[in-house]
Amino acid sequence: MVVPVCHSGHPMVRHGSHVLRRSSLSRALLIALLGGLCLAPGAIADNTTLKPDLPPPAAPPIASSVPVGRGGGSTEAPALPSGVSSSGLTAGAGSVEIREYVDMSSAACGKSHQRIVPTLLRRVAAEGVGSVSLRPLITSRDMNSTEASRAIIAAGLQDKAWEVTAALFRARGAGGDWVNTAVLRSIAKEIDGLRVTKFIRDAGGIDMYPQLSAIKQEARAAGIRVTPAFVVRGPSGSKVVTRPNKASQVIAAIKSVQ
């Protein structure tokens, strides 16, 4: 999804009716907060080099003998494979880090998440090669994007971000204002271990905005201007893969940085 901008060159976010309660937040403050979350316009850098973090422990190379598959994975939105744990927005651990930047209101992001991420979770997180992290990125005017992103961050506080993301992508097919308190409450009740009241309160508050802003800054630093995008980092460097059609494109980037 290409980031919309106004005539002044700044990103635009639709400030329509909000689907969640904000009794403690004025309309002016809400607009100010939302206005800083969309990306600035610019071209994508296909081979952006990111500042490396301290190298994590080495992990086994990804197995070339495991087939990727034409579809890049399951047609269902992934939660987590058996045996893979998550912390915050991240599943698995290892020497390779994959960050998935996704706009929840984008059909292209939904297809990418459903087709590609299951393979990454199996072949990277489950096999100890590395970690896979969610990065909800607001790039559109659709308020559903903002609400869904806040819900994912809120779920991450209880280590349930992957489960909530999978459920949100399934709910997206309903169209309209598909992220609202009723939908989020229904989703939360179906997820074992997710405290419903806390989740709804966190998703409806303003405490999620700093992390969403940090994700926006990460994306800018990586040169990301469109979604979906995957940033792959490892001992041998970094790669950015934008709008991949299949998991093998991300797998190739993983092998190049191991």
Protein backbone atom coordinates (compact mmCIF):
# COMPACT_ATOMS: atom_id res chain seq x y z
CA MET A 1 0.00 0.00 0.00
CA VAL A 2 1.41 3.42 -1.00
CA VAL A 3 1.34 6.04 1.71
CA PRO A 4 -1.18 8.87 1.07
CA VAL A 5 0.06 12.43 1.40
CA CYS A 6 -1.64 15.80 1.33
CA HIS A 7 -0.79 18.79 -0.87
CA SER A 8 1.70 20.04 1.68
CA GLY A 9 3.66 16.82 1.42
CA HIS A 10 2.64 15.49 4.82
CA PRO A 11 0.92 12.15 5.42
CA MET A 12 -2.84 12.18 5.86
CA VAL A 13 -4.94 10.15 8.27
CA ARG A 14 -8.76 10.17 8.21
CA HIS A 15 -10.07 11.50 11.44
CA GLY A 16 -13.56 10.11 11.21
CA SER A 17 -15.69 8.75 13.96
CA HIS A 18 -13.71 6.59 16.35
CA VAL A 19 -14.92 3.08 17.03
CA LEU A 20 -13.51 2.84 20.55
CA ARG A 21 -14.30 5.05 23.55
CA ARG A 22 -11.92 7.90 24.26
CA SER A 23 -13.58 9.72 27.10
CA SER A 24 -10.20 10.88 28.43
CA LEU A 25 -8.83 12.06 25.08
CA SER A 26 -9.90 15.22 23.34
CA ARG A 27 -10.47 15.28 19.59
CA ALA A 28 -7.63 17.73 19.12
CA LEU A 29 -5.14 15.54 20.97
CA LEU A 30 -6.31 12.46 19.06
CA ILE A 31 -5.73 14.21 15.74
CA ALA A 32 -2.29 15.35 16.87
CA LEU A 33 -1.35 11.82 17.93
CA LEU A 34 -2.66 10.15 14.80
CA GLY A 35 -1.13 12.72 12.51
CA GLY A 36 2.38 11.64 13.41
CA LEU A 37 1.91 7.93 12.79
CA CYS A 38 1.85 7.71 8.99
CA LEU A 39 5.03 7.47 6.98
CA ALA A 40 6.58 10.32 5.07
CA PRO A 41 6.51 9.96 1.28
CA GLY A 42 9.53 8.63 -0.56
CA ALA A 43 10.93 5.77 -2.60
CA ILE A 44 11.65 2.31 -1.27
CA ALA A 45 15.24 1.20 -0.81
CA ASP A 46 15.41 -2.45 -1.76
CA ASN A 47 18.75 -3.13 -0.07
CA THR A 48 18.76 -0.84 2.93
CA THR A 49 21.55 -1.40 5.45
CA LEU A 50 20.40 -1.02 9.03
CA LYS A 51 22.58 -0.20 11.99
CA PRO A 52 23.49 -3.61 13.38
CA ASP A 53 22.65 -4.59 16.95
CA LEU A 54 24.99 -6.67 19.06
CA PRO A 55 25.14 -10.08 17.38
CA PRO A 56 22.95 -12.73 19.06
CA PRO A 57 24.11 -16.33 19.50
CA ALA A 58 24.66 -18.29 16.32
CA ALA A 59 21.87 -20.54 15.09
CA PRO A 60 21.80 -23.41 12.59
CA PRO A 61 21.47 -22.37 8.95
CA ILE A 62 18.06 -22.66 7.39
CA ALA A 63 17.57 -26.03 5.75
CA SER A 64 17.60 -25.90 1.97
CA SER A 65 15.85 -29.25 1.75
CA VAL A 66 12.61 -27.97 3.27
CA PRO A 67 10.24 -26.97 0.45
CA VAL A 68 8.85 -23.47 0.54
CA GLY A 69 5.70 -24.23 -1.43
CA ARG A 70 4.07 -22.31 -4.26
CA GLY A 71 1.69 -20.46 -1.97
CA GLY A 72 4.37 -19.60 0.57
CA GLY A 73 2.44 -21.23 3.43
CA SER A 74 -1.03 -21.74 4.78
CA THR A 75 -4.01 -19.86 3.40
CA GLU A 76 -5.11 -19.16 7.00
CA ALA A 77 -3.73 -16.26 8.99
CA PRO A 78 -1.05 -17.76 11.24
CA ALA A 79 -1.04 -17.76 15.00
CA LEU A 80 1.95 -19.75 16.26
CA PRO A 81 3.23 -23.25 15.45
CA SER A 82 3.25 -25.79 18.26
CA GLY A 83 6.22 -25.29 20.55
CA VAL A 84 6.91 -21.70 19.54
CA SER A 85 6.55 -19.13 22.30
CA SER A 86 6.17 -15.39 21.95
CA SER A 87 7.14 -12.35 23.97
CA GLY A 88 5.50 -9.06 23.13
CA LEU A 89 5.39 -8.86 19.35
CA THR A 90 8.14 -11.44 18.77
CA ALA A 91 8.05 -15.19 18.23
CA GLY A 92 11.13 -17.38 18.53
CA ALA A 93 14.79 -16.48 18.97
CA GLY A 94 18.08 -16.91 17.14
CA SER A 95 20.78 -15.13 15.16
CA VAL A 96 18.41 -13.90 12.42
CA GLU A 97 15.70 -11.32 13.04
CA ILE A 98 12.74 -10.81 10.72
CA ARG A 99 10.39 -7.87 11.14
CA GLU A 100 7.10 -7.90 9.25
CA TYR A 101 5.76 -4.39 8.58
CA VAL A 102 2.07 -4.70 7.82
CA ASP A 103 -0.86 -2.32 7.48
CA MET A 104 -3.88 -4.10 8.87
CA SER A 105 -6.27 -2.33 6.49
CA SER A 106 -4.38 -3.49 3.39
CA ALA A 107 -5.61 -6.46 1.37
CA ALA A 108 -2.07 -7.00 0.06
CA CYS A 109 -0.75 -7.16 3.62
CA GLY A 110 -3.44 -9.64 4.55
CA LYS A 111 -2.52 -11.95 1.68
CA SER A 112 1.19 -11.66 2.46
CA HIS A 113 0.65 -12.42 6.13
CA GLN A 114 -1.52 -15.43 5.34
CA ARG A 115 0.69 -16.89 2.60
CA ILE A 116 4.23 -16.10 3.75
CA VAL A 117 4.37 -15.77 7.53
CA PRO A 118 3.33 -19.38 8.34
CA THR A 119 6.41 -20.61 6.47
CA LEU A 120 8.63 -18.13 8.31
CA LEU A 121 7.25 -19.20 11.67
CA ARG A 122 7.87 -22.86 10.85
CA ARG A 123 11.28 -22.54 9.23
CA VAL A 124 12.73 -19.70 11.29
CA ALA A 125 11.05 -19.50 14.70
CA ALA A 126 10.21 -23.18 15.20
CA GLU A 127 13.64 -24.41 14.04
CA GLY A 128 15.62 -21.96 16.18
CA VAL A 129 17.05 -20.06 13.21
CA GLY A 130 15.79 -16.70 14.43
CA SER A 131 12.86 -14.57 15.49
CA VAL A 132 9.85 -13.22 13.62
CA SER A 133 8.34 -9.96 14.86
CA LEU A 134 5.10 -8.18 14.07
CA ARG A 135 5.30 -4.49 13.22
CA PRO A 136 1.81 -3.00 12.67
CA LEU A 137 2.39 0.08 10.53
CA ILE A 138 -0.26 2.72 9.88
CA THR A 139 0.06 3.90 6.28
CA SER A 140 -3.52 4.59 5.29
CA ARG A 141 -6.47 6.86 6.07
CA ASP A 142 -8.56 3.92 7.24
CA MET A 143 -9.23 4.19 10.97
CA ASN A 144 -9.45 0.40 11.08
CA SER A 145 -5.70 0.37 10.54
CA THR A 146 -5.14 2.50 13.64
CA GLU A 147 -7.58 0.53 15.79
CA ALA A 148 -6.21 -2.85 14.71
CA SER A 149 -2.63 -1.70 15.27
CA ARG A 150 -3.45 -0.52 18.76
CA ALA A 151 -5.15 -3.84 19.48
CA ILE A 152 -2.06 -5.77 18.39
CA ILE A 153 0.20 -3.70 20.62
CA ALA A 154 -2.25 -4.15 23.51
CA ALA A 155 -2.32 -7.91 22.95
CA GLY A 156 1.48 -7.94 22.94
CA LEU A 157 1.41 -6.74 26.54
CA GLN A 158 -0.05 -10.16 27.35
CA ASP A 159 2.10 -12.05 24.79
CA LYS A 160 -0.95 -12.69 22.60
CA ALA A 161 -0.14 -10.43 19.64
CA TRP A 162 0.06 -13.28 17.12
CA GLU A 163 -3.26 -14.75 18.14
CA VAL A 164 -5.02 -11.37 17.99
CA THR A 165 -3.41 -10.53 14.63
CA ALA A 166 -4.64 -13.82 13.14
CA ALA A 167 -8.16 -13.14 14.42
CA LEU A 168 -8.12 -9.54 13.15
CA PHE A 169 -7.17 -10.62 9.65
CA ARG A 170 -10.07 -13.06 9.68
CA ALA A 171 -12.40 -10.30 10.88
CA ARG A 172 -11.16 -7.96 8.16
CA GLY A 173 -13.27 -9.75 5.57
CA ALA A 174 -16.42 -8.33 7.15
CA GLY A 175 -15.66 -4.87 5.71
CA GLY A 176 -16.89 -1.54 7.06
CA ASP A 177 -15.77 -0.53 10.53
CA TRP A 178 -14.60 -4.04 11.32
CA VAL A 179 -12.50 -3.05 14.35
CA ASN A 180 -14.70 -2.01 17.24
CA THR A 181 -15.15 -2.83 20.90
CA ALA A 182 -17.64 -5.62 20.20
CA VAL A 183 -15.33 -7.30 17.69
CA LEU A 184 -12.30 -6.99 19.95
CA ARG A 185 -14.21 -8.37 22.92
CA SER A 186 -15.42 -11.32 20.85
CA ILE A 187 -11.86 -12.00 19.67
CA ALA A 188 -10.45 -11.75 23.18
CA LYS A 189 -12.96 -14.23 24.61
CA GLU A 190 -11.80 -16.86 22.12
CA ILE A 191 -8.09 -16.58 23.04
CA ASP A 192 -6.96 -18.67 26.00
CA GLY A 193 -5.03 -16.72 28.59
CA LEU A 194 -5.96 -13.26 27.29
CA ARG A 195 -7.46 -11.08 30.01
CA VAL A 196 -10.40 -9.51 28.23
CA THR A 197 -10.97 -6.45 30.41
CA LYS A 198 -7.31 -5.45 30.39
CA PHE A 199 -7.04 -6.01 26.65
CA ILE A 200 -10.07 -3.84 25.87
CA ARG A 201 -8.87 -1.11 28.21
CA ASP A 202 -5.35 -1.10 26.76
CA ALA A 203 -6.57 -1.19 23.15
CA GLY A 204 -8.84 1.80 23.80
CA GLY A 205 -6.27 3.94 25.58
CA ILE A 206 -3.47 6.20 24.41
CA ASP A 207 -0.55 4.24 25.86
CA MET A 208 -0.11 2.29 22.61
CA TYR A 209 0.87 5.34 20.57
CA PRO A 210 4.53 5.59 21.67
CA GLN A 211 5.22 2.07 20.42
CA LEU A 212 3.36 2.73 17.17
CA SER A 213 5.44 5.87 16.73
CA ALA A 214 8.63 3.88 17.37
CA ILE A 215 7.58 1.37 14.70
CA LYS A 216 7.06 4.25 12.28
CA GLN A 217 10.59 5.50 12.99
CA GLU A 218 12.00 2.00 12.46
CA ALA A 219 10.29 1.81 9.08
CA ARG A 220 11.64 5.19 8.03
CA ALA A 221 15.16 4.19 9.08
CA ALA A 222 14.87 1.07 6.92
CA GLY A 223 13.65 3.08 3.92
CA ILE A 224 10.22 1.44 3.96
CA ARG A 225 7.56 3.42 2.12
CA VAL A 226 5.18 0.64 1.11
CA THR A 227 3.72 -2.41 2.81
CA PRO A 228 3.96 -5.32 3.18
CA ALA A 229 7.69 -5.28 3.85
CA PHE A 230 10.09 -7.58 5.65
CA VAL A 231 13.36 -6.44 7.21
CA VAL A 232 15.82 -9.31 7.65
CA ARG A 233 18.90 -8.86 9.83
CA GLY A 234 21.65 -11.33 10.64
CA PRO A 235 25.39 -11.70 11.28
CA SER A 236 26.23 -10.91 7.63
CA GLY A 237 24.09 -7.81 7.17
CA SER A 238 20.58 -6.66 6.45
CA LYS A 239 18.04 -6.93 3.63
CA VAL A 240 14.68 -5.34 2.95
CA VAL A 241 12.11 -7.36 0.99
CA THR A 242 9.08 -5.40 -0.16
CA ARG A 243 5.82 -6.81 -1.44
CA PRO A 244 7.04 -10.42 -1.74
CA ASN A 245 4.80 -12.83 -3.62
CA LYS A 246 6.06 -15.95 -1.88
CA ALA A 247 8.04 -17.05 1.16
CA SER A 248 11.07 -18.09 -0.90
CA GLN A 249 11.91 -14.41 -1.48
CA VAL A 250 12.21 -13.82 2.26
CA ILE A 251 13.98 -17.17 2.76
CA ALA A 252 16.60 -16.09 0.20
CA ALA A 253 17.18 -12.88 2.18
CA ILE A 254 17.59 -14.92 5.37
CA LYS A 255 20.25 -17.12 3.79
CA SER A 256 22.15 -14.09 2.52
CA VAL A 257 22.55 -12.59 5.99
CA GLN A 258 23.33 -15.77 7.96
